[in-house]
Amino acid sequence: MKKKFFLASVLAAALSFSCSDDIVDKGDVNGGKGEVGYVKVTVNLPTVSGNSVKAGNGNDVFDDGLADEYKVNNIILAFFQGASETEATCLEAHSLTSLAGTEAGGNVTVKYPSGVIEITKPKGNDKVYALAIVNNGGYFSVEGNKLKFNGKDFSGNLLALNDVAQTVDLDKMAKVGTDANFLMTNAPVSNQPGKQESESKEDHQVTTLVPLTIYSTQAAAESDAANANQIYVERAVAKVTTSVKNGTDNTLTISNPGSTYDGATVKFEGWRLNLTNKEYYPIRNVSAWSTWDGYYADAEVNRFFGYAPNPYRVYWAIDPNYGSTNDDDLNRFTAADAPESWNNMSANEYCAENTTMATEMKANNLTSILLQATFKLKDGKDDDNLFILGNNSAIYSENDFVQFATAQLTGANALGAGESLKISSNPTGGLTVKDSQALKNLIEVQGNEGGLTEDQAKAILEASDGTIRFYKGGVMYYYTSLIKHFGDDPTKYEGDKNNPAYEEEKHPGRYGVVRNNWYEININSVSGPGEPDIPEIPEEPADKEHSYINAQVNILSWAKRTQDVDL
């Protein structure tokens, strides 16, 4: 069963202003000056108790995550002015000078009061909007009350911040430890919950900037703290955790009666995210929200918007390569470009969001989990070399394979007196052998420095159905099925799994990773061996029947989404 959690911990910045679309002058007229106004800001950090709370239905399930993920190093408030959110441009910005927090109760751990901030009053009927940037990571700064973005003055509208996708740098966006720093910006929110298709969606709006009420005097701003409203911010990254759910010491035992690996053990040594995005948008892109508003799967409530109020959250996003993903857009591990290091099981890894249109939901476009494990036969020894021949499901120990290979060398190909076969110690890792030269490099002939002849190598390969998979030290690699966002409920796929085809209304969001969501992958069981080296991900629909691993995801939010996996 899929559990979904959305980040109750979207950082809440409480500002002393109204949510009204109209600018309201509160307090006395400012001595006829009419050029400045005041706002008062308090940043509220949610609890990090670690308790999960399910709020209503659907995606609204929350989890707090780690204290490092809430650490506040700096806060910038950027102020936009204009007739509407889309037209408003950035006129000024302020860094909060005091980050001395005070403890709070309930769902808030610490409050960061800003004191009163003086800003330029809007002209005519223009409105003022706020963007909060928490832990700017060096992307943003303030100089002379001007917002700088990538070192240059920024005076555009909100959309202009996403004009050019930024290169992912996790040291700036999602750093844990002593120098913990998680970049956060305003979360888009809906003024209505997700609804049934038959329900009215009149006046539905999704906004990212927060409209402000401007106070005419400092005293009025200070005295009206009770009417503070909220800016909700979200982390710019997604979070993934991979764990072994059943078993001891990250080890599972295979139950497959009648197979050569029944009773074998698989110890998971580490994992990495594969196919992660190289670019991201600083502000979540939900520009197609009005289109998503019309997407329904069967009789489900619209999945793109939350049901829990204050605020109603938006649960999907457009990444920089949403409509078309090129080979160079994603970080890809291969046999030739393997990870330099592996995450411990149950550890976290962070990444930029990776989403696609339904028609682009192909295995080689979507983020997945790569697992490194050690396979040990029931009566085997630690670090034994293992072999699989062709498409045969049987797995051979080194001794059994050498006996098999020797038995194929008969007649003119027979070994000479005093000769015997031995597995070379030269390979540094697993191999998939498909030609005679590769086999000659793998098998040595003791008593004959010349090694296997071409005919001998061909005889062994032919008897092996043309392929020999060599697992050095029993090390093998598994892929989970692709990470699911909405998953089977409410984006269940019931079509032809031999030739999947997706509908843009029913299936967007079935797979993908979205910022501020926590995807928890649980490995439940293993049915057989994996691959001897890191396999290439095929360019085929995500639900094609032979996916590497079937997985179920619960998403932590952080929205939290958990996925159970059988390998």
Foldseek 3Di string as FASTA:
>chain_A
DKAWAAAPFQWKKWKLFDQDLFAAAFDDAQVPPQWKFKIKIKTFGFDQPQDWDAFDDARHIFGRDDPLQRDFDWKKKWKWKDADQQATWTDFMDIQPWQDWDQDDDGTGTMGIRAMDMDTDYPDRMFMWIKMKTQVLCQWDHDPRFIDGNRHTGTGHPVVLQPDWAFDDCVSAADDDPPRGHIKMFAKFWQAFFFWLPDDCPPIDIDGIGTGHTYNDSVRNVVRSVNIHIGGMFTQKEKEAEAADDDPQQKFAACDPPAQQHRKMKHWFFKDKFFFFRTFRSYFAPVCVVVLSNFDFPRDGRNQWHDRPPPIHGQDGATPQAEHDDPPGTHHAFLVRHDPDGHGHRDMDIGGWQFYFQQQQWQNRFMWMKIKIFIAGNPGDFQFKKKAFDPDQHIDTQVRLQVLLQVLQDDPRHDDPPKGKDFDPPDPFKDKDQALVVVQNGIAIPPDNVGHDRVSSVSSCVVRVRIMIMGGRRMAMFIAQGAAFSACVPQNDDDDLQADDDDRRRHGRRGITHGQKYKYEYEHEENGTHGRGGDDRDGGRSSRPPGRWYWAIHIHGCTGIGIYIYD
